[in-house]
């Protein structure tokens, strides 16, 4: 169960934010972070799948805007939203691993 997140999207020239210890602490304090940390281990596969699907939808929307020579400001806002959502996806994988590890430790005890 301790898998790494897939590279859901790749945009040339866009630097992906890193999930550092400090960033994990910041994300834990947000409403979305609290929702993720409060999720039961059994619900994580569905949660991660829905987060990945949302990112794919955002990427498709970005491509449509770009192909239609859409508004640069709109594209920029969408990219920022995708970067934020991708960071939460990595955070979800991190929390899922921690919960899985805790479950394995409690089983071994």
N, C-alpha and C. Protein backbone atom coordinates (compact mmCIF):
# COMPACT_ATOMS: atom_id res chain seq x y z
N UNK A 1 0.82 -1.18 0.00
CA UNK A 1 0.00 0.00 0.00
C UNK A 1 0.86 1.25 0.00
N UNK A 2 2.11 1.17 0.33
CA UNK A 2 2.98 2.33 0.45
C UNK A 2 3.56 2.70 -0.92
N UNK A 3 2.71 3.13 -1.82
CA UNK A 3 3.16 3.50 -3.15
C UNK A 3 3.39 5.00 -3.23
N UNK A 4 4.12 5.40 -4.24
CA UNK A 4 4.38 6.81 -4.47
C UNK A 4 3.30 7.33 -5.43
N UNK A 5 3.00 8.63 -5.32
CA UNK A 5 2.00 9.19 -6.23
C UNK A 5 2.50 9.16 -7.66
N UNK A 6 1.58 8.93 -8.57
CA UNK A 6 1.93 8.99 -9.98
C UNK A 6 2.12 10.44 -10.37
N UNK A 7 2.91 10.66 -11.39
CA UNK A 7 3.05 12.01 -11.91
C UNK A 7 1.79 12.27 -12.73
N UNK A 8 0.78 12.83 -12.07
CA UNK A 8 -0.53 12.99 -12.68
C UNK A 8 -0.49 13.93 -13.86
N UNK A 9 0.27 14.97 -13.76
CA UNK A 9 0.40 15.87 -14.88
C UNK A 9 1.78 16.46 -14.93
N UNK A 10 2.19 16.85 -16.12
CA UNK A 10 3.48 17.48 -16.30
C UNK A 10 3.30 18.64 -17.26
N UNK A 11 3.66 19.81 -16.79
CA UNK A 11 3.58 21.00 -17.63
C UNK A 11 5.00 21.51 -17.82
N UNK A 12 5.47 21.57 -19.06
CA UNK A 12 6.84 22.03 -19.29
C UNK A 12 7.06 23.43 -18.71
N UNK A 13 8.18 23.60 -18.03
CA UNK A 13 8.54 24.89 -17.48
C UNK A 13 7.90 25.21 -16.14
N UNK A 14 7.10 24.30 -15.59
CA UNK A 14 6.44 24.53 -14.31
C UNK A 14 7.17 23.72 -13.25
N UNK A 15 7.65 24.40 -12.23
CA UNK A 15 8.34 23.73 -11.12
C UNK A 15 7.30 23.23 -10.12
N UNK A 16 7.33 21.94 -9.86
CA UNK A 16 6.40 21.35 -8.92
C UNK A 16 6.83 21.70 -7.50
N UNK A 17 5.88 22.08 -6.63
CA UNK A 17 6.25 22.36 -5.24
C UNK A 17 6.65 21.07 -4.53
N UNK A 18 7.54 21.21 -3.54
CA UNK A 18 8.01 20.04 -2.79
C UNK A 18 7.23 19.87 -1.50
N UNK A 19 6.98 18.64 -1.15
CA UNK A 19 6.29 18.32 0.10
C UNK A 19 7.35 18.18 1.19
N UNK A 20 7.69 19.28 1.81
CA UNK A 20 8.68 19.31 2.88
C UNK A 20 7.97 19.08 4.22
N UNK A 21 8.77 18.87 5.26
CA UNK A 21 8.20 18.72 6.60
C UNK A 21 7.40 19.96 6.99
N UNK A 22 7.94 21.13 6.69
CA UNK A 22 7.24 22.39 7.01
C UNK A 22 5.93 22.48 6.24
N UNK A 23 5.95 22.10 4.97
CA UNK A 23 4.74 22.17 4.15
C UNK A 23 3.69 21.18 4.67
N UNK A 24 4.13 20.01 5.12
CA UNK A 24 3.20 19.03 5.69
C UNK A 24 2.49 19.63 6.89
N UNK A 25 3.24 20.31 7.75
CA UNK A 25 2.64 20.94 8.93
C UNK A 25 1.63 22.01 8.53
N UNK A 26 1.96 22.80 7.50
CA UNK A 26 1.05 23.83 7.02
C UNK A 26 -0.23 23.22 6.45
N UNK A 27 -0.07 22.14 5.67
CA UNK A 27 -1.24 21.49 5.06
C UNK A 27 -2.13 20.84 6.11
N UNK A 28 -1.53 20.29 7.15
CA UNK A 28 -2.31 19.68 8.23
C UNK A 28 -3.25 20.68 8.89
N UNK A 29 -2.86 21.94 8.88
CA UNK A 29 -3.65 22.98 9.55
C UNK A 29 -4.81 23.50 8.71
N UNK A 30 -4.87 23.13 7.44
CA UNK A 30 -5.95 23.60 6.57
C UNK A 30 -7.17 22.68 6.68
N UNK A 31 -8.31 23.18 6.25
CA UNK A 31 -9.54 22.36 6.28
C UNK A 31 -9.38 21.11 5.41
N UNK A 32 -8.80 21.27 4.24
CA UNK A 32 -8.59 20.13 3.34
C UNK A 32 -7.60 19.14 3.96
N UNK A 33 -6.56 19.66 4.59
CA UNK A 33 -5.58 18.80 5.25
C UNK A 33 -6.19 18.04 6.41
N UNK A 34 -7.04 18.70 7.18
CA UNK A 34 -7.72 18.04 8.30
C UNK A 34 -8.65 16.94 7.79
N UNK A 35 -9.29 17.20 6.65
CA UNK A 35 -10.15 16.18 6.05
C UNK A 35 -9.32 14.96 5.66
N UNK A 36 -8.16 15.20 5.05
CA UNK A 36 -7.29 14.10 4.63
C UNK A 36 -6.78 13.33 5.83
N UNK A 37 -6.30 14.03 6.85
CA UNK A 37 -5.76 13.33 8.02
C UNK A 37 -6.85 12.60 8.80
N UNK A 38 -8.09 13.06 8.69
CA UNK A 38 -9.20 12.41 9.38
C UNK A 38 -9.81 11.26 8.60
N UNK A 39 -9.33 11.02 7.40
CA UNK A 39 -9.87 9.95 6.56
C UNK A 39 -9.39 8.59 7.05
N UNK A 40 -10.30 7.65 7.10
CA UNK A 40 -9.95 6.28 7.51
C UNK A 40 -9.07 5.63 6.45
N UNK A 41 -8.18 4.76 6.87
CA UNK A 41 -7.24 4.10 5.96
C UNK A 41 -7.97 3.39 4.82
N UNK A 42 -9.12 2.83 5.11
CA UNK A 42 -9.88 2.09 4.09
C UNK A 42 -10.46 3.01 3.02
N UNK A 43 -10.60 4.29 3.32
CA UNK A 43 -11.19 5.22 2.36
C UNK A 43 -10.13 5.91 1.48
N UNK A 44 -8.87 5.70 1.78
CA UNK A 44 -7.82 6.39 1.02
C UNK A 44 -7.77 6.03 -0.46
N UNK A 45 -7.94 4.77 -0.86
CA UNK A 45 -7.90 4.50 -2.30
C UNK A 45 -8.94 5.32 -3.08
N UNK A 46 -10.13 5.44 -2.56
CA UNK A 46 -11.17 6.23 -3.24
C UNK A 46 -10.83 7.72 -3.21
N UNK A 47 -10.31 8.19 -2.08
CA UNK A 47 -9.93 9.60 -1.96
C UNK A 47 -8.85 9.96 -2.97
N UNK A 48 -7.81 9.15 -3.02
CA UNK A 48 -6.70 9.41 -3.94
C UNK A 48 -7.17 9.34 -5.39
N UNK A 49 -8.01 8.37 -5.68
CA UNK A 49 -8.53 8.22 -7.04
C UNK A 49 -9.33 9.46 -7.45
N UNK A 50 -10.15 9.99 -6.55
CA UNK A 50 -10.94 11.18 -6.88
C UNK A 50 -10.04 12.41 -7.03
N UNK A 51 -8.99 12.50 -6.20
CA UNK A 51 -8.06 13.62 -6.32
C UNK A 51 -7.31 13.56 -7.65
N UNK A 52 -6.90 12.37 -8.06
CA UNK A 52 -6.21 12.21 -9.35
C UNK A 52 -7.15 12.53 -10.51
N UNK A 53 -8.40 12.11 -10.42
CA UNK A 53 -9.38 12.40 -11.47
C UNK A 53 -9.62 13.91 -11.58
N UNK A 54 -9.68 14.59 -10.45
CA UNK A 54 -9.87 16.04 -10.47
C UNK A 54 -8.69 16.73 -11.14
N UNK A 55 -7.48 16.25 -10.86
CA UNK A 55 -6.30 16.82 -11.52
C UNK A 55 -6.33 16.57 -13.02
N UNK A 56 -6.74 15.39 -13.42
CA UNK A 56 -6.85 15.09 -14.85
C UNK A 56 -7.86 16.01 -15.53
N UNK A 57 -8.99 16.25 -14.85
CA UNK A 57 -10.01 17.17 -15.38
C UNK A 57 -9.46 18.58 -15.52
N UNK A 58 -8.70 19.02 -14.51
CA UNK A 58 -8.11 20.35 -14.57
C UNK A 58 -7.11 20.46 -15.71
N UNK A 59 -6.34 19.41 -15.92
CA UNK A 59 -5.37 19.41 -17.01
C UNK A 59 -6.07 19.47 -18.36
N UNK A 60 -7.16 18.73 -18.50
CA UNK A 60 -7.93 18.76 -19.75
C UNK A 60 -8.50 20.16 -19.98
N UNK A 61 -8.96 20.78 -18.92
CA UNK A 61 -9.48 22.15 -19.02
C UNK A 61 -8.36 23.11 -19.42
N UNK A 62 -7.20 22.96 -18.84
CA UNK A 62 -6.03 23.79 -19.18
C UNK A 62 -5.70 23.63 -20.67
N UNK A 63 -5.68 22.39 -21.14
CA UNK A 63 -5.36 22.14 -22.56
C UNK A 63 -6.39 22.78 -23.48
N UNK A 64 -7.68 22.71 -23.10
CA UNK A 64 -8.72 23.35 -23.93
C UNK A 64 -8.51 24.86 -23.99
N UNK A 65 -8.22 25.46 -22.85
CA UNK A 65 -8.00 26.91 -22.81
C UNK A 65 -6.78 27.28 -23.65
N UNK A 66 -5.71 26.51 -23.52
CA UNK A 66 -4.48 26.78 -24.26
C UNK A 66 -4.69 26.62 -25.77
N UNK A 67 -5.38 25.56 -26.18
CA UNK A 67 -5.61 25.31 -27.60
C UNK A 67 -6.50 26.39 -28.22
N UNK A 68 -7.38 26.96 -27.42
CA UNK A 68 -8.26 28.00 -27.93
C UNK A 68 -7.68 29.39 -27.71
N UNK A 69 -6.38 29.43 -27.40
CA UNK A 69 -5.71 30.71 -27.13
C UNK A 69 -6.48 31.52 -26.08
N UNK A 70 -6.86 30.82 -25.02
CA UNK A 70 -7.64 31.44 -23.94
C UNK A 70 -6.85 32.44 -23.12
N UNK A 71 -7.53 33.04 -22.23
CA UNK A 71 -7.01 34.08 -21.35
C UNK A 71 -5.81 33.57 -20.54
N UNK A 72 -4.69 34.30 -20.61
CA UNK A 72 -3.48 33.93 -19.87
C UNK A 72 -3.72 33.93 -18.37
N UNK A 73 -4.45 34.91 -17.87
CA UNK A 73 -4.73 34.99 -16.43
C UNK A 73 -5.52 33.77 -15.97
N UNK A 74 -6.47 33.33 -16.78
CA UNK A 74 -7.27 32.16 -16.44
C UNK A 74 -6.39 30.90 -16.42
N UNK A 75 -5.49 30.80 -17.39
CA UNK A 75 -4.57 29.65 -17.43
C UNK A 75 -3.66 29.66 -16.21
N UNK A 76 -3.15 30.85 -15.86
CA UNK A 76 -2.26 30.95 -14.71
C UNK A 76 -2.97 30.54 -13.42
N UNK A 77 -4.20 31.00 -13.25
CA UNK A 77 -4.97 30.64 -12.06
C UNK A 77 -5.20 29.13 -12.00
N UNK A 78 -5.48 28.53 -13.15
CA UNK A 78 -5.71 27.09 -13.21
C UNK A 78 -4.43 26.32 -12.88
N UNK A 79 -3.30 26.80 -13.38
CA UNK A 79 -2.02 26.15 -13.06
C UNK A 79 -1.75 26.23 -11.56
N UNK A 80 -1.97 27.39 -10.96
CA UNK A 80 -1.76 27.53 -9.52
C UNK A 80 -2.68 26.59 -8.74
N UNK A 81 -3.91 26.46 -9.19
CA UNK A 81 -4.86 25.55 -8.54
C UNK A 81 -4.39 24.10 -8.68
N UNK A 82 -3.89 23.74 -9.88
CA UNK A 82 -3.41 22.38 -10.09
C UNK A 82 -2.19 22.09 -9.23
N UNK A 83 -1.29 23.05 -9.11
CA UNK A 83 -0.10 22.84 -8.27
C UNK A 83 -0.50 22.62 -6.82
N UNK A 84 -1.46 23.40 -6.36
CA UNK A 84 -1.95 23.26 -4.99
C UNK A 84 -2.61 21.89 -4.81
N UNK A 85 -3.46 21.50 -5.75
CA UNK A 85 -4.14 20.21 -5.65
C UNK A 85 -3.16 19.05 -5.74
N UNK A 86 -2.11 19.20 -6.56
CA UNK A 86 -1.10 18.15 -6.68
C UNK A 86 -0.35 18.00 -5.36
N UNK A 87 -0.07 19.11 -4.69
CA UNK A 87 0.60 19.06 -3.40
C UNK A 87 -0.28 18.34 -2.37
N UNK A 88 -1.58 18.60 -2.40
CA UNK A 88 -2.50 17.89 -1.49
C UNK A 88 -2.55 16.40 -1.83
N UNK A 89 -2.43 16.06 -3.10
CA UNK A 89 -2.40 14.65 -3.49
C UNK A 89 -1.16 13.97 -2.89
N UNK A 90 -0.02 14.62 -3.01
CA UNK A 90 1.20 14.07 -2.40
C UNK A 90 1.03 13.96 -0.88
N UNK A 91 0.40 14.95 -0.29
CA UNK A 91 0.13 14.93 1.15
C UNK A 91 -0.76 13.74 1.50
N UNK A 92 -1.76 13.48 0.68
CA UNK A 92 -2.66 12.34 0.93
C UNK A 92 -1.90 11.02 0.88
N UNK A 93 -0.99 10.89 -0.10
CA UNK A 93 -0.17 9.68 -0.16
C UNK A 93 0.71 9.55 1.08
N UNK A 94 1.26 10.66 1.54
CA UNK A 94 2.09 10.67 2.74
C UNK A 94 1.29 10.21 3.95
N UNK A 95 0.11 10.78 4.14
CA UNK A 95 -0.74 10.42 5.28
C UNK A 95 -1.20 8.97 5.17
N UNK A 96 -1.52 8.54 3.96
CA UNK A 96 -1.94 7.15 3.76
C UNK A 96 -0.81 6.20 4.17
N UNK A 97 0.41 6.53 3.80
CA UNK A 97 1.54 5.69 4.19
C UNK A 97 1.70 5.65 5.70
N UNK A 98 1.60 6.80 6.34
CA UNK A 98 1.74 6.86 7.80
C UNK A 98 0.66 6.00 8.47
N UNK A 99 -0.57 6.13 7.99
CA UNK A 99 -1.66 5.34 8.58
C UNK A 99 -1.45 3.85 8.33
N UNK A 100 -0.99 3.51 7.14
CA UNK A 100 -0.72 2.11 6.82
C UNK A 100 0.36 1.56 7.73
N UNK A 101 1.44 2.35 7.91
CA UNK A 101 2.55 1.93 8.77
C UNK A 101 2.09 1.75 10.21
N UNK A 102 1.28 2.68 10.70
CA UNK A 102 0.75 2.56 12.07
C UNK A 102 -0.11 1.31 12.21
N UNK A 103 -0.87 1.02 11.17
CA UNK A 103 -1.71 -0.18 11.19
C UNK A 103 -0.84 -1.44 11.24
N UNK A 104 0.24 -1.44 10.47
CA UNK A 104 1.14 -2.60 10.46
C UNK A 104 1.82 -2.78 11.81
N UNK A 105 2.21 -1.67 12.44
CA UNK A 105 2.86 -1.73 13.75
C UNK A 105 1.87 -2.27 14.80
N UNK A 106 0.62 -1.81 14.74
CA UNK A 106 -0.37 -2.28 15.73
C UNK A 106 -0.70 -3.75 15.51
N UNK A 107 -0.67 -4.21 14.26
CA UNK A 107 -0.91 -5.63 14.00
C UNK A 107 0.22 -6.49 14.55
N UNK A 108 1.45 -5.97 14.48
CA UNK A 108 2.61 -6.72 14.92
C UNK A 108 2.71 -6.79 16.44
N UNK A 109 2.05 -5.86 17.12
CA UNK A 109 2.14 -5.83 18.59
C UNK A 109 1.33 -6.92 19.24
